Structure formats: C-alpha cells, structure tokens
Protein backbone atom coordinates (compact mmCIF):
# COMPACT_ATOMS: atom_id res chain seq x y z
CA MET A 1 22.90 -31.64 -30.59
CA LYS A 2 26.16 -30.46 -31.92
CA THR A 3 24.82 -29.91 -35.46
CA ASN A 4 22.11 -27.89 -34.18
CA ARG A 5 24.24 -25.67 -32.25
CA ASN A 6 26.23 -25.23 -35.53
CA ARG A 7 23.50 -24.02 -37.02
CA VAL A 8 22.60 -21.50 -34.52
CA TRP A 9 26.07 -20.29 -34.66
CA ALA A 10 26.19 -19.97 -38.42
CA ALA A 11 23.11 -17.79 -38.31
CA ALA A 12 24.37 -15.62 -35.31
CA ALA A 13 27.64 -15.21 -37.27
CA ALA A 14 25.85 -14.29 -40.53
CA GLY A 15 23.94 -11.68 -38.56
CA VAL A 16 27.06 -10.48 -36.82
CA LEU A 17 28.95 -9.76 -39.84
CA ALA A 18 25.81 -7.90 -41.46
CA ALA A 19 25.45 -5.79 -38.44
CA LEU A 20 29.39 -4.88 -38.75
CA GLY A 21 29.26 -4.16 -42.51
CA MET A 22 31.56 -7.06 -43.27
CA ALA A 23 28.99 -9.67 -45.17
CA GLY A 24 25.40 -9.64 -46.11
CA PRO A 25 23.09 -12.45 -46.36
CA GLY A 26 24.55 -15.28 -48.49
CA ALA A 27 27.85 -13.97 -48.40
CA SER A 28 30.74 -16.49 -48.79
CA GLY A 29 32.07 -15.45 -45.54
CA ALA A 30 28.83 -16.48 -43.89
CA SER A 31 29.83 -20.07 -44.80
CA ALA A 32 33.03 -20.35 -43.42
CA ALA A 33 31.84 -18.91 -40.16
CA PRO A 34 30.77 -22.09 -38.25
CA ALA A 35 34.42 -23.36 -39.06
CA MET A 36 36.10 -20.58 -37.68
CA TRP A 37 34.05 -20.60 -34.72
CA MET A 38 34.77 -24.07 -34.00
CA GLN A 39 38.54 -23.54 -34.90
CA GLU A 40 38.39 -20.60 -32.21
CA SER A 41 36.19 -22.15 -29.47
CA ALA A 42 39.01 -23.58 -27.74
CA ASP A 43 39.74 -19.77 -26.74
CA ALA A 44 36.40 -20.22 -24.45
CA PRO A 45 34.53 -17.17 -25.95
CA ASP A 46 31.81 -15.19 -23.80
CA GLN A 47 28.43 -16.01 -25.23
CA LEU A 48 25.37 -13.59 -25.23
CA ILE A 49 22.35 -15.54 -25.68
CA PHE A 50 19.39 -13.14 -26.76
CA LYS A 51 15.67 -13.59 -26.11
CA ASP A 52 14.89 -14.12 -29.60
CA GLY A 53 17.30 -17.04 -29.99
CA ARG A 54 20.34 -15.38 -31.22
CA ILE A 55 23.75 -16.32 -29.53
CA ILE A 56 26.65 -14.24 -30.42
CA GLU A 57 30.48 -15.14 -29.31
CA GLY A 58 33.41 -12.93 -28.37
CA GLU A 59 34.53 -11.03 -25.18
CA VAL A 60 32.52 -8.82 -22.68
CA LEU A 61 34.42 -5.65 -22.60
CA GLU A 62 32.01 -3.82 -20.18
CA GLU A 63 28.86 -4.36 -18.32
CA THR A 64 26.64 -2.02 -16.59
CA ALA A 65 23.31 -2.30 -15.18
CA THR A 66 21.65 -2.02 -18.54
CA THR A 67 23.93 -2.62 -21.18
CA VAL A 68 27.06 -4.98 -22.28
CA ARG A 69 29.68 -3.82 -24.90
CA PHE A 70 30.82 -6.79 -26.40
CA LEU A 71 33.84 -7.46 -28.68
CA VAL A 72 32.15 -9.72 -31.49
CA VAL A 73 35.26 -11.75 -33.49
CA VAL A 74 34.19 -13.39 -36.52
CA ALA A 75 36.19 -15.33 -39.28
CA GLY A 76 39.39 -13.28 -37.55
CA ILE A 77 37.30 -10.10 -37.93
CA LYS A 78 36.85 -7.89 -34.71
CA GLY A 79 34.09 -5.39 -34.03
CA GLU A 80 32.68 -3.64 -31.18
CA GLN A 81 29.01 -3.40 -30.45
CA THR A 82 26.74 -2.52 -27.25
CA TYR A 83 23.65 -4.45 -26.50
CA SER A 84 20.96 -3.47 -24.45
CA LYS A 85 20.35 -6.01 -21.42
CA ALA A 86 16.72 -6.04 -21.96
CA ASP A 87 17.12 -7.88 -25.28
CA ILE A 88 19.40 -10.55 -23.43
CA LEU A 89 18.29 -13.84 -21.97
CA ALA A 90 21.69 -14.86 -20.44
CA ILE A 91 25.47 -14.25 -20.52
CA GLU A 92 27.74 -17.03 -20.65
CA ARG A 93 31.46 -16.35 -19.83
CA GLY A 94 34.21 -18.43 -21.15
CA VAL A 95 36.30 -20.16 -18.37
CA ARG A 96 39.05 -22.90 -17.84
CA ASP A 97 38.68 -25.80 -15.31
CA GLU A 98 41.70 -26.77 -13.22
CA SER A 99 43.30 -29.05 -15.98
CA GLY A 100 43.21 -26.00 -18.39
CA LYS A 101 40.58 -27.36 -20.61
CA ALA A 102 38.59 -24.70 -22.19
CA GLY A 103 34.85 -24.36 -21.74
CA VAL A 104 31.76 -21.84 -20.91
CA VAL A 105 29.70 -21.35 -17.52
CA SER A 106 26.75 -23.42 -17.96
CA GLU A 107 23.22 -21.07 -18.64
CA GLU A 108 21.92 -22.07 -15.20
CA ALA A 109 25.16 -21.38 -13.39
CA ASP A 110 25.42 -18.08 -15.32
CA GLN A 111 21.83 -17.21 -14.48
CA ALA A 112 22.67 -17.62 -10.75
CA ALA A 113 25.89 -15.69 -10.82
CA GLU A 114 24.90 -12.96 -13.39
CA PRO A 115 21.17 -11.92 -13.48
CA SER A 116 19.34 -11.29 -16.73
CA ALA A 117 17.72 -7.97 -18.08
CA ASP A 118 14.63 -9.30 -16.25
CA GLU A 119 16.30 -9.91 -12.75
CA PRO A 120 17.47 -7.10 -10.19
CA THR A 121 21.18 -6.13 -10.24
CA ASP A 122 23.06 -5.11 -7.01
CA GLY A 123 21.82 -2.28 -5.31
CA ALA A 124 18.45 -2.87 -7.18
CA PRO A 125 15.90 -0.85 -4.65
CA GLY A 126 13.89 -2.90 -2.32
CA VAL A 127 10.10 -2.53 -2.50
CA TYR A 128 7.89 -3.71 0.49
CA MET A 129 3.96 -3.63 0.13
CA ILE A 130 1.20 -3.03 3.03
CA GLU A 131 -2.22 -3.56 1.87
CA LEU A 132 -4.80 -1.98 4.17
CA THR A 133 -8.22 -3.58 3.60
CA GLY A 134 -11.29 -4.14 5.53
CA ARG A 135 -13.14 -1.87 8.11
CA PHE A 136 -11.22 1.45 9.35
CA GLY A 137 -10.68 1.48 12.95
CA ARG A 138 -11.17 -2.73 13.41
CA ASP A 139 -9.29 -4.42 10.48
CA ILE A 140 -7.10 -1.44 9.71
CA ALA A 141 -5.76 -0.38 13.21
CA PRO A 142 -2.32 0.49 14.80
CA THR A 143 -1.55 -2.81 16.19
CA PRO A 144 -1.33 -4.86 12.77
CA ILE A 145 0.05 -1.74 10.86
CA ARG A 146 2.95 -1.42 13.61
CA ASP A 147 3.56 -5.44 13.15
CA ALA A 148 3.81 -4.72 9.43
CA ILE A 149 6.11 -2.00 9.52
CA LYS A 150 8.20 -3.98 11.96
CA ASP A 151 8.43 -6.97 9.47
CA ALA A 152 9.15 -4.29 6.75
CA ALA A 153 12.11 -2.62 9.07
CA LYS A 154 13.68 -6.10 9.11
CA MET A 155 14.33 -5.94 5.35
CA ARG A 156 15.32 -2.30 5.22
CA PRO A 157 13.18 -1.24 2.09
CA ASP A 158 13.70 1.91 -0.32
CA TYR A 159 10.26 2.06 -1.09
CA LEU A 160 6.95 1.32 1.03
CA ILE A 161 3.70 1.04 -1.05
CA VAL A 162 0.85 1.47 1.16
CA VAL A 163 -2.28 0.28 -0.48
CA VAL A 164 -5.37 1.99 1.19
CA ASP A 165 -8.61 0.13 -0.05
CA ASN A 166 -11.06 0.25 3.27
CA ALA A 167 -14.47 -1.36 3.15
CA TRP A 168 -17.09 1.87 3.16
CA GLU A 169 -20.26 0.09 4.62
CA THR A 170 -22.40 -0.53 7.76
CA ALA A 171 -21.74 -3.01 10.51
CA TRP A 172 -23.96 -5.22 8.65
CA GLY A 173 -22.20 -5.09 4.92
CA GLU A 174 -24.35 -2.51 3.28
CA LYS A 175 -22.46 -0.11 1.16
CA LEU A 176 -22.78 3.52 2.02
CA ALA A 177 -23.28 6.59 -0.30
CA ASP A 178 -20.05 9.20 -0.19
CA ASP A 179 -21.54 11.52 2.57
CA GLU A 180 -23.94 9.22 4.22
CA ALA A 181 -22.05 8.64 7.16
CA ALA A 182 -20.34 11.79 9.20
CA ALA A 183 -17.21 9.98 9.88
CA PHE A 184 -15.05 12.79 10.43
CA ASP A 185 -14.12 11.88 14.06
CA GLN A 186 -12.26 8.90 12.72
CA LEU A 187 -9.57 11.59 12.37
CA PHE A 188 -8.21 10.72 15.59
CA GLN A 189 -7.75 6.80 14.51
CA THR A 190 -5.70 8.09 12.07
CA GLU A 191 -3.70 10.32 14.12
CA ASP A 192 -2.69 6.80 16.11
CA MET A 193 -1.67 5.47 12.76
CA GLU A 194 0.40 8.05 11.26
CA PRO A 195 3.36 8.23 13.60
CA ILE A 196 3.80 4.59 12.94
CA PHE A 197 4.82 5.56 9.18
CA THR A 198 6.26 8.99 9.66
CA LYS A 199 8.17 8.45 12.96
CA GLU A 200 8.38 4.90 14.15
CA LEU A 201 9.64 3.24 10.99
CA PRO A 202 12.34 6.00 10.06
CA GLU A 203 13.49 5.70 13.68
CA MET A 204 13.84 1.74 13.56
CA LEU A 205 15.65 2.30 9.83
CA GLY A 206 17.81 4.97 10.69
CA TYR A 207 16.72 6.54 7.26
CA ARG A 208 13.28 7.41 5.41
CA PRO A 209 11.99 5.25 2.98
CA LYS A 210 10.19 6.76 0.11
CA ILE A 211 6.24 6.08 1.05
CA VAL A 212 3.79 5.75 -1.73
CA VAL A 213 0.34 5.41 -0.90
CA TRP A 214 -2.05 4.01 -3.48
CA VAL A 215 -5.60 4.86 -3.17
CA LYS A 216 -8.06 2.65 -4.38
CA ASN A 217 -10.92 3.21 -1.60
CA ALA A 218 -9.86 5.70 1.43
CA MET A 219 -13.43 6.86 2.97
CA GLY A 220 -14.23 7.86 6.41
CA GLY A 221 -11.12 8.03 8.38
CA ALA A 222 -9.17 6.40 5.90
CA ALA A 223 -9.49 9.54 3.84
CA PHE A 224 -7.16 11.30 6.17
CA LEU A 225 -4.09 8.83 5.96
CA PRO A 226 -2.87 9.60 2.32
CA PHE A 227 -2.63 13.10 3.13
CA ASN A 228 0.23 12.60 5.40
CA PHE A 229 2.64 11.46 2.37
CA ASP A 230 3.70 13.48 -0.52
CA THR A 231 3.27 10.80 -3.15
CA MET A 232 -0.16 9.68 -3.81
CA TYR A 233 -1.75 7.49 -6.69
CA PHE A 234 -5.05 6.57 -7.60
CA SER A 235 -6.40 3.35 -9.09
CA SER A 236 -9.19 3.82 -11.78
CA GLU A 237 -11.92 3.59 -9.14
CA GLY A 238 -10.26 5.35 -6.42
CA ARG A 239 -11.59 7.68 -4.12
CA ILE A 240 -11.23 9.76 -1.07
CA GLY A 241 -13.93 10.95 0.99
CA GLY A 242 -16.76 9.94 3.36
CA ILE A 243 -15.87 12.58 6.18
CA GLY A 244 -18.51 15.30 5.14
CA ARG A 245 -21.23 16.75 7.16
CA LEU A 246 -18.87 17.74 10.15
CA GLU A 247 -21.70 20.18 11.31
CA GLN A 248 -23.92 17.27 12.12
CA ILE A 249 -21.45 16.09 14.74
CA PHE A 250 -22.72 18.48 17.48
CA GLY A 251 -26.21 18.51 16.04
CA SER A 252 -27.92 21.98 15.64
CA THR A 253 -28.66 23.10 19.33
CA GLY A 254 -26.39 24.78 21.85
CA ASP A 255 -23.72 27.47 21.63
CA ALA A 256 -22.86 28.11 18.12
CA ARG A 257 -19.47 29.63 18.98
CA VAL A 258 -18.70 26.26 21.09
CA ARG A 259 -19.69 24.27 18.15
CA GLU A 260 -17.61 26.45 15.82
CA LYS A 261 -14.84 26.00 18.23
CA GLN A 262 -15.16 22.19 18.19
CA PHE A 263 -15.41 22.50 14.36
CA SER A 264 -11.85 24.55 14.30
CA LEU A 265 -9.91 22.01 16.50
CA ARG A 266 -10.74 19.17 14.33
CA LEU A 267 -10.04 20.93 11.10
CA GLY A 268 -7.04 22.17 12.85
CA HIS A 269 -5.71 18.62 13.04
CA ALA A 270 -6.62 17.63 9.53
CA ARG A 271 -5.28 20.74 8.18
CA GLY A 272 -2.24 19.59 9.60
CA MET A 273 -2.01 16.51 7.98
CA ALA A 274 -2.66 18.01 4.33
CA ASN A 275 0.33 20.50 5.34
CA ARG A 276 2.68 17.60 6.08
CA GLY A 277 1.74 15.75 2.85
CA GLY A 278 2.10 18.97 0.81
CA TYR A 279 -1.54 19.48 -0.10
CA ASP A 280 -3.57 22.40 -0.01
CA ALA A 281 -5.63 22.13 3.21
CA ARG A 282 -8.84 23.73 1.61
CA LEU A 283 -9.38 20.29 0.10
CA ILE A 284 -9.90 18.96 3.77
CA GLU A 285 -12.37 21.79 4.54
CA ALA A 286 -14.40 21.30 1.29
CA MET A 287 -14.49 17.32 1.89
CA ALA A 288 -15.49 18.12 5.52
CA ARG A 289 -18.17 21.04 5.78
CA THR A 290 -21.39 21.22 3.48
CA GLU A 291 -21.57 25.09 3.67
CA TYR A 292 -18.12 25.72 2.10
CA VAL A 293 -17.81 26.64 -1.45
CA LEU A 294 -14.81 25.75 -3.64
CA SER A 295 -14.00 26.01 -7.16
CA TYR A 296 -10.86 25.83 -9.48
CA ARG A 297 -9.32 26.69 -12.67
CA ILE A 298 -6.49 26.12 -14.58
CA ASP A 299 -3.72 28.37 -15.07
CA ASN A 300 -0.71 27.16 -17.17
CA GLY A 301 -1.73 23.61 -17.00
CA LYS A 302 -1.95 23.73 -12.74
CA ALA A 303 -5.24 23.62 -11.09
CA VAL A 304 -5.67 26.93 -8.97
CA LEU A 305 -8.23 26.59 -6.08
CA VAL A 306 -10.66 29.39 -5.56
CA GLU A 307 -12.90 29.84 -2.75
CA GLY A 308 -16.34 30.63 -3.50
CA ALA A 309 -18.59 30.18 -6.57
CA PRO A 310 -16.88 29.63 -10.00
CA ASN A 311 -16.36 32.62 -12.29
CA THR A 312 -17.18 31.07 -15.78
CA ASP A 313 -15.73 33.69 -17.71
CA LEU A 314 -12.13 32.78 -16.20
CA GLY A 315 -13.10 28.93 -16.88
CA GLU A 316 -13.76 28.22 -13.08
CA VAL A 317 -15.15 24.98 -12.39
CA LEU A 318 -17.36 24.18 -9.24
CA LEU A 319 -16.16 21.61 -6.81
CA THR A 320 -18.55 22.05 -3.92
CA ASP A 321 -21.32 23.89 -3.44
CA ASP A 322 -23.12 25.16 -0.18
CA GLY A 323 -25.72 22.28 0.12
CA GLN A 324 -28.37 25.02 0.79
CA ALA A 325 -31.91 24.83 -0.60
CA GLU A 326 -31.76 23.83 -4.04
CA ASN A 327 -28.06 22.78 -4.16
CA ALA A 328 -28.58 20.42 -1.63
CA ASP A 329 -27.72 17.13 -3.06
CA ASP A 330 -30.65 14.54 -3.27
CA ILE A 331 -30.83 10.77 -2.13
CA LYS A 332 -30.11 9.70 -5.93
CA ALA A 333 -27.27 12.11 -6.48
CA LEU A 334 -25.64 10.63 -3.25
CA ALA A 335 -26.33 6.96 -4.30
CA ARG A 336 -24.78 7.32 -7.87
CA GLY A 337 -21.72 9.48 -6.02
CA GLN A 338 -22.68 12.64 -7.81
CA GLY A 339 -23.16 14.68 -4.80
CA ASN A 340 -21.10 18.12 -4.41
CA ASP A 341 -22.34 19.19 -1.14
CA ASN A 342 -18.97 17.73 0.42
CA LEU A 343 -16.14 17.01 -2.07
CA THR A 344 -15.02 13.53 -2.78
CA LEU A 345 -11.94 13.17 -4.84
CA SER A 346 -12.44 10.67 -7.71
CA ALA A 347 -9.12 9.43 -9.59
CA SER A 348 -9.90 11.95 -12.18
CA ILE A 349 -10.16 15.03 -10.09
CA ALA A 350 -7.47 14.16 -7.93
CA GLU A 351 -4.95 14.02 -11.00
CA ILE A 352 -6.39 17.32 -12.17
CA LEU A 353 -6.07 18.95 -8.65
CA GLY A 354 -2.31 17.83 -8.33
CA VAL A 355 -3.16 15.64 -5.61
CA SER A 356 -2.74 12.37 -7.54
CA GLN A 357 0.47 11.99 -9.35
CA GLY A 358 -1.23 9.19 -11.40
CA THR A 359 -3.78 6.62 -11.83
CA VAL A 360 -2.57 3.04 -12.24
CA ASP A 361 -4.58 -0.03 -11.97
CA GLU A 362 -1.46 -2.53 -11.73
CA LEU A 363 1.69 -2.86 -9.44
CA ASP A 364 3.92 -3.09 -12.64
CA ASP A 365 2.28 0.31 -13.78
CA LEU A 366 3.04 1.89 -10.42
CA LEU A 367 6.39 0.78 -10.64
CA TYR A 368 6.95 2.13 -14.15
CA GLU A 369 5.35 5.25 -12.67
CA LEU A 370 8.14 5.57 -10.03
CA GLY A 371 10.93 4.73 -12.35
CA ILE A 372 12.06 1.49 -10.94
CA ASP A 373 10.16 -1.03 -12.91
CA ARG A 374 13.22 -2.36 -14.65
CA ASN A 375 15.25 -2.84 -11.85
CA TYR A 376 13.91 -3.37 -8.07
CA ARG A 377 13.76 -6.14 -5.44
CA MET A 378 10.05 -7.11 -4.35
CA LEU A 379 10.62 -7.89 -0.87
CA ASP A 380 8.64 -10.73 1.01
CA SER A 381 6.05 -9.08 2.84
CA LYS A 382 4.48 -10.80 5.86
CA SER A 383 1.72 -7.89 5.98
CA GLU A 384 -0.99 -9.79 4.58
CA ARG A 385 -0.39 -12.63 6.94
CA ILE A 386 -0.21 -10.25 9.89
CA MET A 387 -3.49 -8.59 9.17
CA LYS A 388 -5.35 -12.04 8.65
CA ASN A 389 -3.84 -12.93 12.10
CA TRP A 390 -5.29 -9.66 13.50
CA ASP A 391 -8.61 -10.49 12.15
CA ARG A 392 -8.35 -14.10 13.73
CA GLU A 393 -7.65 -12.54 17.01
CA LEU A 394 -10.31 -9.77 17.21
CA GLU A 395 -12.77 -12.54 16.08
CA GLY A 396 -11.53 -15.06 18.89
CA ALA A 397 -11.88 -12.12 21.26
CA GLU A 398 -15.49 -11.82 20.51
CA ARG A 399 -16.32 -15.34 20.91
CA SER A 400 -14.70 -15.18 24.32
CA LEU A 401 -16.37 -12.32 25.47
CA ARG A 402 -19.80 -13.84 24.70
CA ASP A 403 -18.80 -16.84 26.70
CA LEU A 404 -17.43 -15.26 29.51
CA TRP A 405 -20.44 -12.97 29.70
CA THR A 406 -22.95 -15.57 29.41
CA ARG A 407 -20.99 -17.48 32.09
CA PHE A 408 -21.49 -14.91 34.41
CA LEU A 409 -24.97 -14.15 33.92
CA ASN A 410 -25.67 -17.82 34.42
CA VAL A 411 -23.83 -17.76 37.91
CA GLN A 412 -26.16 -18.05 40.85
CA VAL A 413 -25.46 -16.85 44.18
CA GLN A 414 -27.28 -19.08 46.58
CA GLY A 415 -27.01 -21.90 49.13
CA GLU A 416 -24.70 -22.43 51.85
CA TYR A 417 -22.20 -19.58 52.59
CA ARG A 418 -19.27 -21.22 51.23
CA GLU A 419 -21.28 -21.93 47.81
CA ARG A 420 -22.36 -18.22 47.70
CA THR A 421 -18.51 -17.11 48.08
CA THR A 422 -17.39 -19.39 45.47
CA ALA A 423 -20.11 -17.98 43.16
CA ARG A 424 -19.30 -14.37 43.85
CA ALA A 425 -15.40 -15.42 43.30
CA THR A 426 -16.50 -16.83 39.82
CA GLN A 427 -18.64 -13.86 39.12
CA MET A 428 -15.64 -11.21 39.79
CA SER A 429 -13.14 -13.52 38.30
CA LEU A 430 -15.21 -13.42 34.68
CA LEU A 431 -15.31 -9.53 34.99
CA LEU A 432 -11.59 -9.32 35.26
CA LYS A 433 -11.41 -11.53 32.45
CA ILE A 434 -13.71 -9.38 30.39
CA LYS A 435 -12.20 -6.34 31.19
CA ALA A 436 -8.74 -7.60 30.28
CA LEU A 437 -9.84 -8.60 27.19
CA LEU A 438 -11.48 -5.33 26.49
CA GLU A 439 -8.47 -3.42 27.17
CA ARG A 440 -6.12 -5.65 25.17
CA TYR A 441 -8.05 -4.60 22.30
CA GLY A 442 -8.96 -1.24 23.40
CA GLU A 443 -7.80 0.35 20.01
CA VAL A 444 -11.00 -1.60 18.52
CA TYR A 445 -12.97 -1.20 21.55
CA LYS A 446 -12.89 2.70 22.11
CA VAL A 447 -14.05 3.25 18.35
CA ARG A 448 -17.05 0.73 18.85
CA MET A 449 -15.72 -1.63 16.18
CA LEU A 450 -15.72 -4.56 18.52
CA ARG A 451 -18.76 -6.89 18.59
CA LEU A 452 -19.84 -7.15 22.18
CA PRO A 453 -22.56 -9.38 23.57
CA ASP A 454 -25.81 -8.00 24.09
CA GLY A 455 -25.95 -6.22 27.31
CA LEU A 456 -22.31 -6.26 28.14
CA PRO A 457 -21.63 -2.93 29.88
CA PRO A 458 -18.71 -0.79 29.43
CA ILE A 459 -15.65 -0.96 31.14
CA PRO A 460 -16.50 1.53 33.89
CA ALA A 461 -19.64 -0.12 34.53
CA LEU A 462 -17.98 -3.36 34.58
CA ASP A 463 -15.80 -2.01 37.48
CA VAL A 464 -18.78 -0.73 39.48
CA LEU A 465 -20.35 -3.97 38.75
CA HIS A 466 -17.14 -5.84 40.30
CA GLU A 467 -16.94 -3.59 43.21
CA GLN A 468 -20.74 -4.32 44.13
CA ILE A 469 -20.18 -7.95 44.20
CA ARG A 470 -16.95 -7.37 46.64
CA GLN A 471 -19.06 -5.37 48.78
CA GLU A 472 -21.82 -7.71 48.82
CA GLN A 473 -19.38 -10.31 50.05
CA MET A 474 -17.83 -8.50 52.72
CA LYS A 475 -21.53 -8.04 54.12
CA ASP A 476 -22.36 -11.71 53.86
CA LYS A 477 -21.81 -13.57 56.89
CA PRO A 478 -22.08 -17.37 57.42
C-alpha cells in the first residue's frame, strides 16, 4: 500500500515540478521527489486529492467557495498555485494528535468537515420544490398547497420552484384540445391559491423567497397561476392556455352590455395577475377572447405586441385571428394544437415574447439557468407526500359520501312511534354528516370536482330535506 502511495506521490511531484517550471518529465529531480516527500512528511502537509487521481502536498494558504490557493513544496522548492474546487475531490489537512505525532485528517473525516466541489458550502441557497400535478381544482387546491408552503417555510428556502403540470382532460380521463373547454372561470380558483404564495409565505418567513414557476402544462385555471410571478421557465412541451372562448360562458342571448360587463370584470381580475408578474395583459385577452386579434414583431431583438392583423411589410407575425368565418379553427387544427382563435403559449412562442426566460427539461438545467447549479442545498420537500395524502383524503371522503347517502336512502320510517322516531333521527344524523363532509372539502365541492353519489342534492337542498324530516317528526304523535 505504501509503495503504491509513493508512486502516486512521485507522479504528483513530477507534475507539480513541471507546472512550476522546475523540472520536466524524466528530469533527475523527479526521481528524488518521493524520498524528499517522505522526509518532509513529518511536517504533516496538507493534501489536495484531485478527481483525476493526482495528489499534491503542501499548505493551504487560502480557501474560497470556488478556489484553493496552495503552497506547493517539492524537494525544498516552493511555489504558489491556485486550483479550482471543481477539480478537487477532497482536501486533507495535516494535524497532530495530543502526543504531538504528525498525521493527516482522514478522507472521510475531511469530507464531513470540508465539502468537496460537488457539495454546497456554508450559506449555499436553499431550494424547495413543489410539484402541482393532477386536475386543477381537485388535486391542485388551496389546502394541500397551503400545507406544502407551511412545510417549505420551516426550511426557510431562498428559492421556491413551483412546477405546474396539471392534467388537461375530462372527468373520464379523455384529453382535451387547447380550446375545447371554456375554463376561464377557473380564474377564481387561482385567486384562492395566489395569496398563499405571495402573501402567506412571506408573512411566515419574514422575507420574500425567489419564486420560480416551471411550466410543463398549465391549462385551464392553472394558466393564470404562472402570470403572478416574474420568473417563468418552460419545458420543451410546456404550454399555457385553455382559457379561451370567454364569450361562450354567458351564451349569446340576453343584454349584450350586461355580458360585456361580465367579460370586463373577469378580464380585469386576470389582467391584475399579469400586471403583478410584469407581463403584458394583452396576452391574457388574446388567450381568452376569440374575437381579439394580436400580432407581434421583433424590434432590436425584443418582441413588441401589436393589436390587430399583422403588417407583413414590418415583419409582423399573427398570434391570434378573430375566429370568424374562414378564420375559425376547425376540429383538426384544434386537435393538433394548431388553432389560433385563442392564444396558447408554447415554449417557443413564450420565449420569443419574453414570457419565458428559457426552456429547460431537467432540474439541473433550471438550476444552471438560475446561476446556482454549482452551490445550492436541495431542501427535503414533503410536498409530494402532502399532495398524495390530500388525494387519499378526497377519495376517502367520496367513499364515505356514497356510504352515507346509501344508508340514508335505505332508512325506512315505519312501525311504532319509537321506531319512526329512531328512523328519522338516523336520517337527520346522516344528512348532517353528509353536509359536514361537503363543507370540509368545500373548495373541491364548490367547483364540482368532488365525485358525488347519484342523486345527492346540493347543500341547500340537504338543509331543506333535514328541516322537512324534523317537521314530520314534530307532527307525528304516538
């Protein structure tokens, strides 16, 4: 073992001498280097162990987060060199035990005390990641998000990465085309979620962490969430959309002015989100209103939005047309995601328009774009577990609702007075339990994302039914 180590030292010494201009390969001084190292090893030199297998001994003069300034001593010849920590596997520092005997800190102990170039240094920014997956309004809901944010706050992150990857599908799991569902009113669900990030988290922490939204799929109500934050990245297949055909929410009958006021009210809320994140609110209108026409051109390398049809002489490009007559998207275009009646932001167009700061498909690439890939702490996020627990809770509540409603329907009010009284008391108790469950998961129930048993009436009707049973009991006489 000593022979092998001496050979390593010999090779290292020859390399150091060559680097310092003292000797070249095969020089006579190189052959004497091992003996000199062994003679001086009683001084317990510091050692730099490189990833390529080299070992250099001497003294650490200065160490920063990224470099080591090192005094190399070979055969009595000294010279300073600065090395990048990216090339260093470990730093072993010479020590003396209580008896005064020289030695070196073991590699394992040194790695525990002194991080390698691949480990975060003191003060490295903490990164917490939350993945919002599943159906918006059901799996992605205020309660699990708030629980995840509380978990994040315990770890005091510098960066909060929010991955948006919601399922864009029907209740039966069938995929939706970009503009197939007029989901603009899911905006109000986003309004329940946004303050958790922008107000509650800073209040818990006492400072504002950097929130980065990584868009993989943000369709329907999820489309509004990224616009609340000023730093947005896309995956290659990322998209934002699914909030088009706003004009269909209220149909085509009734007072046109009343409908326009409703449109303006909703757009006002959405524009506020875009303004909060520093984005042009006209993008929201192009995503929402079919008749709105928006184009863009590039001036001095920057996209400039232009309302109306493009002027090709100026190099303008159409984003959305008015969807009228021959401009209306057909079913094939919608199925292929090629419709332009309503704007859907893809990764490429989002980057061109300056909405996205880049396209990344791996977390390492995102951290590189943020400039923290060489020095960060990935915090132990419990958000995935929190989201899964929420899903299990919902499924459990749905099973309980089916059981309670079935039991209610099977109660027979008959027999003697005491039996009738007991039966009605059972009915009223079951109705109260059903109502309590619906209210407990009200954020999902009110947006019709809770799977209810057939025939179960809404909460107001349950109250009426409960009161009817109570009145019947009062009228009943033995």
